[in-house]
Amino acid sequence: MEAIKIIMTFVVLIVMIYAMAKKMNGPMVMMSLGLIILGVMTIVTGTSVIPDKTTGSRIVDVFQVFYQNMITNLNATLPQVMCVMGYVAFMKGLKATEMMTSLAVRPLSRIKNKYLVIVGVMVIGLILKVFIPSQVSLSVMFFAMVYPILVGLGFSRTTAVSAIVICTMYDGGPACP
């Protein structure tokens, strides 16, 4: 059984790499491969992928697992992201992002070592991570507020994105496992 799982893992990796090389839609490829893996494991093992609350049909159980995972993930993250994206859109509509960028760039441009600004962004992100446990919400907020400032200071887009990603990927705080 373990050999079958290892072989399936390599086959799925090869198919995923091939699909990404052909510029197929990444999330759709991964979702489809996940459903295929669940179906194949159901056929190979002969048992349902839902051991406790089976629907009675092993094939329907595969889609039931997918449905339950989607509902759980969407209910946890979607309302937070919608609130943050609404705030970001509202601020962009008011041109508040451009005003904040122009006001923040002036004093920050006087700093001799520009990479101290990057370190400051990371520290602020780590502190905010305690209060905003969702990486998606924090990164959306940072992309709306900090990214334009960093680009306005002359940093490359890659450096600005890297600073934001580093401070949002840290798992620390009361809501993180």
C-alpha atoms as a PDB file:
ATOM      1  CA  MET A   1       0.000   0.000   0.000  1.00  0.00           C
ATOM      2  CA  GLU A   2       2.815   2.417   0.855  1.00  0.00           C
ATOM      3  CA  ALA A   3       4.472   1.737  -2.507  1.00  0.00           C
ATOM      4  CA  ILE A   4       1.236   2.671  -4.301  1.00  0.00           C
ATOM      5  CA  LYS A   5       1.070   5.959  -2.376  1.00  0.00           C
ATOM      6  CA  ILE A   6       4.679   6.796  -3.261  1.00  0.00           C
ATOM      7  CA  ILE A   7       4.160   5.964  -6.935  1.00  0.00           C
ATOM      8  CA  MET A   8       0.951   8.043  -7.014  1.00  0.00           C
ATOM      9  CA  THR A   9       2.791  10.966  -5.456  1.00  0.00           C
ATOM     10  CA  PHE A  10       5.463  10.899  -8.150  1.00  0.00           C
ATOM     11  CA  VAL A  11       2.878  10.537 -10.928  1.00  0.00           C
ATOM     12  CA  VAL A  12       0.878  13.481  -9.585  1.00  0.00           C
ATOM     13  CA  LEU A  13       4.034  15.601  -9.292  1.00  0.00           C
ATOM     14  CA  ILE A  14       4.991  14.833 -12.881  1.00  0.00           C
ATOM     15  CA  VAL A  15       1.484  15.664 -14.131  1.00  0.00           C
ATOM     16  CA  MET A  16       1.456  18.894 -12.101  1.00  0.00           C
ATOM     17  CA  ILE A  17       4.879  19.971 -13.423  1.00  0.00           C
ATOM     18  CA  TYR A  18       3.786  19.174 -16.984  1.00  0.00           C
ATOM     19  CA  ALA A  19       0.547  21.149 -16.567  1.00  0.00           C
ATOM     20  CA  MET A  20       2.389  24.150 -15.115  1.00  0.00           C
ATOM     21  CA  ALA A  21       4.943  24.018 -17.955  1.00  0.00           C
ATOM     22  CA  LYS A  22       2.027  24.132 -20.417  1.00  0.00           C
ATOM     23  CA  LYS A  23       0.726  27.282 -18.633  1.00  0.00           C
ATOM     24  CA  MET A  24      -2.494  25.661 -17.434  1.00  0.00           C
ATOM     25  CA  ASN A  25      -4.485  27.266 -14.619  1.00  0.00           C
ATOM     26  CA  GLY A  26      -2.602  26.294 -11.427  1.00  0.00           C
ATOM     27  CA  PRO A  27      -5.470  26.230  -8.914  1.00  0.00           C
ATOM     28  CA  MET A  28      -7.681  24.274 -11.295  1.00  0.00           C
ATOM     29  CA  VAL A  29      -4.907  21.734 -11.961  1.00  0.00           C
ATOM     30  CA  MET A  30      -4.280  21.221  -8.245  1.00  0.00           C
ATOM     31  CA  MET A  31      -7.991  20.961  -7.442  1.00  0.00           C
ATOM     32  CA  SER A  32      -8.521  18.421 -10.228  1.00  0.00           C
ATOM     33  CA  LEU A  33      -5.503  16.386  -9.170  1.00  0.00           C
ATOM     34  CA  GLY A  34      -6.749  16.394  -5.578  1.00  0.00           C
ATOM     35  CA  LEU A  35     -10.128  15.030  -6.658  1.00  0.00           C
ATOM     36  CA  ILE A  36      -8.437  12.404  -8.844  1.00  0.00           C
ATOM     37  CA  ILE A  37      -6.183  11.329  -5.958  1.00  0.00           C
ATOM     38  CA  LEU A  38      -9.175  10.969  -3.633  1.00  0.00           C
ATOM     39  CA  GLY A  39     -10.996   8.916  -6.271  1.00  0.00           C
ATOM     40  CA  VAL A  40      -8.035   6.646  -6.983  1.00  0.00           C
ATOM     41  CA  MET A  41      -7.392   6.060  -3.268  1.00  0.00           C
ATOM     42  CA  THR A  42     -11.059   5.193  -2.804  1.00  0.00           C
ATOM     43  CA  ILE A  43     -10.846   2.642  -5.608  1.00  0.00           C
ATOM     44  CA  VAL A  44      -7.481   1.194  -4.499  1.00  0.00           C
ATOM     45  CA  THR A  45      -8.321   0.884  -0.792  1.00  0.00           C
ATOM     46  CA  GLY A  46     -11.985  -0.002  -1.296  1.00  0.00           C
ATOM     47  CA  THR A  47     -12.992   2.239   1.603  1.00  0.00           C
ATOM     48  CA  SER A  48     -14.602   5.636   1.735  1.00  0.00           C
ATOM     49  CA  VAL A  49     -12.526   8.763   2.231  1.00  0.00           C
ATOM     50  CA  ILE A  50     -15.036   9.807   4.918  1.00  0.00           C
ATOM     51  CA  PRO A  51     -14.790   7.149   7.611  1.00  0.00           C
ATOM     52  CA  ASP A  52     -17.364   8.594  10.027  1.00  0.00           C
ATOM     53  CA  LYS A  53     -20.158  10.311   8.049  1.00  0.00           C
ATOM     54  CA  THR A  54     -20.308   8.453   4.763  1.00  0.00           C
ATOM     55  CA  THR A  55     -23.043   9.272   2.267  1.00  0.00           C
ATOM     56  CA  GLY A  56     -23.406   5.646   1.239  1.00  0.00           C
ATOM     57  CA  SER A  57     -21.621   6.009  -2.088  1.00  0.00           C
ATOM     58  CA  ARG A  58     -17.845   6.061  -2.218  1.00  0.00           C
ATOM     59  CA  ILE A  59     -17.821   8.244  -5.327  1.00  0.00           C
ATOM     60  CA  VAL A  60     -20.160  10.801  -3.767  1.00  0.00           C
ATOM     61  CA  ASP A  61     -17.954  10.735  -0.641  1.00  0.00           C
ATOM     62  CA  VAL A  62     -15.032  12.063  -2.707  1.00  0.00           C
ATOM     63  CA  PHE A  63     -17.038  15.128  -3.694  1.00  0.00           C
ATOM     64  CA  GLN A  64     -18.456  15.435  -0.168  1.00  0.00           C
ATOM     65  CA  VAL A  65     -14.899  15.738   1.227  1.00  0.00           C
ATOM     66  CA  PHE A  66     -14.152  18.420  -1.359  1.00  0.00           C
ATOM     67  CA  TYR A  67     -17.382  20.257  -0.510  1.00  0.00           C
ATOM     68  CA  GLN A  68     -16.732  20.154   3.259  1.00  0.00           C
ATOM     69  CA  ASN A  69     -13.171  21.433   2.858  1.00  0.00           C
ATOM     70  CA  MET A  70     -14.272  24.271   0.568  1.00  0.00           C
ATOM     71  CA  ILE A  71     -17.044  25.363   2.944  1.00  0.00           C
ATOM     72  CA  THR A  72     -14.702  25.264   5.955  1.00  0.00           C
ATOM     73  CA  ASN A  73     -11.972  27.269   4.222  1.00  0.00           C
ATOM     74  CA  LEU A  74     -14.333  29.822   2.687  1.00  0.00           C
ATOM     75  CA  ASN A  75     -16.174  30.454   5.958  1.00  0.00           C
ATOM     76  CA  ALA A  76     -12.911  31.044   7.810  1.00  0.00           C
ATOM     77  CA  THR A  77     -11.130  33.401   5.403  1.00  0.00           C
ATOM     78  CA  LEU A  78     -13.604  34.914   2.971  1.00  0.00           C
ATOM     79  CA  PRO A  79     -15.370  37.430   5.275  1.00  0.00           C
ATOM     80  CA  GLN A  80     -12.043  38.830   6.505  1.00  0.00           C
ATOM     81  CA  VAL A  81     -10.644  39.174   3.006  1.00  0.00           C
ATOM     82  CA  MET A  82     -13.850  40.799   1.762  1.00  0.00           C
ATOM     83  CA  CYS A  83     -13.707  43.410   4.537  1.00  0.00           C
ATOM     84  CA  VAL A  84     -10.053  44.214   3.869  1.00  0.00           C
ATOM     85  CA  MET A  85     -10.541  44.358   0.087  1.00  0.00           C
ATOM     86  CA  GLY A  86     -13.556  46.639   0.561  1.00  0.00           C
ATOM     87  CA  TYR A  87     -11.448  48.958   2.688  1.00  0.00           C
ATOM     88  CA  VAL A  88      -8.645  48.933   0.120  1.00  0.00           C
ATOM     89  CA  ALA A  89     -11.045  49.712  -2.743  1.00  0.00           C
ATOM     90  CA  PHE A  90     -12.650  52.509  -0.743  1.00  0.00           C
ATOM     91  CA  MET A  91      -9.277  54.090   0.054  1.00  0.00           C
ATOM     92  CA  LYS A  92      -8.150  53.841  -3.575  1.00  0.00           C
ATOM     93  CA  GLY A  93     -11.410  55.432  -4.674  1.00  0.00           C
ATOM     94  CA  LEU A  94     -10.782  58.361  -2.352  1.00  0.00           C
ATOM     95  CA  LYS A  95      -7.190  58.609  -3.647  1.00  0.00           C
ATOM     96  CA  ALA A  96      -6.069  58.147  -0.045  1.00  0.00           C
ATOM     97  CA  THR A  97      -3.374  55.663  -1.073  1.00  0.00           C
ATOM     98  CA  GLU A  98      -1.649  58.201  -3.322  1.00  0.00           C
ATOM     99  CA  MET A  99      -1.867  60.892  -0.629  1.00  0.00           C
ATOM    100  CA  MET A 100      -0.483  58.572   2.032  1.00  0.00           C
ATOM    101  CA  THR A 101       2.347  57.527  -0.281  1.00  0.00           C
ATOM    102  CA  SER A 102       3.363  61.107  -1.026  1.00  0.00           C
ATOM    103  CA  LEU A 103       3.254  62.027   2.676  1.00  0.00           C
ATOM    104  CA  ALA A 104       5.206  58.960   3.789  1.00  0.00           C
ATOM    105  CA  VAL A 105       7.903  59.075   1.105  1.00  0.00           C
ATOM    106  CA  ARG A 106       9.131  62.566   2.081  1.00  0.00           C
ATOM    107  CA  PRO A 107      10.416  61.782   5.591  1.00  0.00           C
ATOM    108  CA  LEU A 108      11.429  58.203   4.763  1.00  0.00           C
ATOM    109  CA  SER A 109      13.574  59.358   1.835  1.00  0.00           C
ATOM    110  CA  ARG A 110      15.907  61.122   4.303  1.00  0.00           C
ATOM    111  CA  ILE A 111      17.038  57.788   5.772  1.00  0.00           C
ATOM    112  CA  LYS A 112      20.584  57.105   4.532  1.00  0.00           C
ATOM    113  CA  ASN A 113      20.412  53.296   4.611  1.00  0.00           C
ATOM    114  CA  LYS A 114      17.263  52.433   2.663  1.00  0.00           C
ATOM    115  CA  TYR A 115      17.253  48.826   3.826  1.00  0.00           C
ATOM    116  CA  LEU A 116      16.418  49.988   7.343  1.00  0.00           C
ATOM    117  CA  VAL A 117      12.989  50.815   5.913  1.00  0.00           C
ATOM    118  CA  ILE A 118      12.612  47.187   4.779  1.00  0.00           C
ATOM    119  CA  VAL A 119      13.584  45.945   8.243  1.00  0.00           C
ATOM    120  CA  GLY A 120      11.077  48.390   9.758  1.00  0.00           C
ATOM    121  CA  VAL A 121       8.330  47.079   7.466  1.00  0.00           C
ATOM    122  CA  MET A 122       9.099  43.526   8.542  1.00  0.00           C
ATOM    123  CA  VAL A 123       9.010  44.452  12.235  1.00  0.00           C
ATOM    124  CA  ILE A 124       5.707  46.293  11.823  1.00  0.00           C
ATOM    125  CA  GLY A 125       4.323  43.281   9.943  1.00  0.00           C
ATOM    126  CA  LEU A 126       5.386  40.906  12.700  1.00  0.00           C
ATOM    127  CA  ILE A 127       3.734  43.104  15.324  1.00  0.00           C
ATOM    128  CA  LEU A 128       0.526  43.394  13.287  1.00  0.00           C
ATOM    129  CA  LYS A 129       0.517  39.611  12.822  1.00  0.00           C
ATOM    130  CA  VAL A 130      -0.412  39.322  16.496  1.00  0.00           C
ATOM    131  CA  PHE A 131      -3.599  41.328  15.889  1.00  0.00           C
ATOM    132  CA  ILE A 132      -4.411  40.225  12.324  1.00  0.00           C
ATOM    133  CA  PRO A 133      -4.007  36.432  12.300  1.00  0.00           C
ATOM    134  CA  SER A 134      -4.911  35.941   8.626  1.00  0.00           C
ATOM    135  CA  GLN A 135      -1.915  36.021   6.299  1.00  0.00           C
ATOM    136  CA  VAL A 136      -4.175  36.914   3.394  1.00  0.00           C
ATOM    137  CA  SER A 137      -5.745  39.887   5.191  1.00  0.00           C
ATOM    138  CA  LEU A 138      -2.380  41.189   6.368  1.00  0.00           C
ATOM    139  CA  SER A 139      -0.771  40.826   2.959  1.00  0.00           C
ATOM    140  CA  VAL A 140      -3.688  42.576   1.222  1.00  0.00           C
ATOM    141  CA  MET A 141      -3.432  45.448   3.690  1.00  0.00           C
ATOM    142  CA  PHE A 142       0.335  45.680   3.231  1.00  0.00           C
ATOM    143  CA  PHE A 143       0.012  45.580  -0.550  1.00  0.00           C
ATOM    144  CA  ALA A 144      -2.468  48.440  -0.353  1.00  0.00           C
ATOM    145  CA  MET A 145      -0.528  50.611   2.105  1.00  0.00           C
ATOM    146  CA  VAL A 146       3.147  49.626   2.263  1.00  0.00           C
ATOM    147  CA  TYR A 147       3.843  48.474  -1.293  1.00  0.00           C
ATOM    148  CA  PRO A 148       3.255  51.915  -2.883  1.00  0.00           C
ATOM    149  CA  ILE A 149       5.475  53.534  -0.266  1.00  0.00           C
ATOM    150  CA  LEU A 150       8.328  51.098  -0.875  1.00  0.00           C
ATOM    151  CA  VAL A 151       8.072  51.527  -4.649  1.00  0.00           C
ATOM    152  CA  GLY A 152       7.901  55.316  -4.162  1.00  0.00           C
ATOM    153  CA  LEU A 153      11.126  55.148  -2.149  1.00  0.00           C
ATOM    154  CA  GLY A 154      12.881  53.562  -5.125  1.00  0.00           C
ATOM    155  CA  PHE A 155      12.870  49.907  -4.126  1.00  0.00           C
ATOM    156  CA  SER A 156      12.316  47.382  -6.873  1.00  0.00           C
ATOM    157  CA  ARG A 157       8.940  45.699  -6.995  1.00  0.00           C
ATOM    158  CA  THR A 158      10.585  42.386  -6.157  1.00  0.00           C
ATOM    159  CA  THR A 159      12.134  43.799  -2.986  1.00  0.00           C
ATOM    160  CA  ALA A 160       8.841  45.365  -1.905  1.00  0.00           C
ATOM    161  CA  VAL A 161       6.912  42.135  -2.464  1.00  0.00           C
ATOM    162  CA  SER A 162       9.598  40.087  -0.698  1.00  0.00           C
ATOM    163  CA  ALA A 163       9.427  42.283   2.403  1.00  0.00           C
ATOM    164  CA  ILE A 164       5.650  41.921   2.548  1.00  0.00           C
ATOM    165  CA  VAL A 165       5.720  38.162   2.012  1.00  0.00           C
ATOM    166  CA  ILE A 166       8.381  37.650   4.681  1.00  0.00           C
ATOM    167  CA  CYS A 167       6.442  39.516   7.353  1.00  0.00           C
ATOM    168  CA  THR A 168       3.131  37.817   6.505  1.00  0.00           C
ATOM    169  CA  MET A 169       4.443  34.251   6.444  1.00  0.00           C
ATOM    170  CA  TYR A 170       5.514  34.302  10.110  1.00  0.00           C
ATOM    171  CA  ASP A 171       3.176  32.288  12.326  1.00  0.00           C
ATOM    172  CA  GLY A 172       3.167  33.954  15.695  1.00  0.00           C
ATOM    173  CA  GLY A 173       0.419  35.280  17.861  1.00  0.00           C
ATOM    174  CA  PRO A 174      -2.638  34.122  19.729  1.00  0.00           C
ATOM    175  CA  ALA A 175      -4.552  32.820  16.689  1.00  0.00           C
ATOM    176  CA  CYS A 176      -1.667  30.892  15.110  1.00  0.00           C
ATOM    177  CA  PRO A 177      -1.211  27.212  15.942  1.00  0.00           C
END
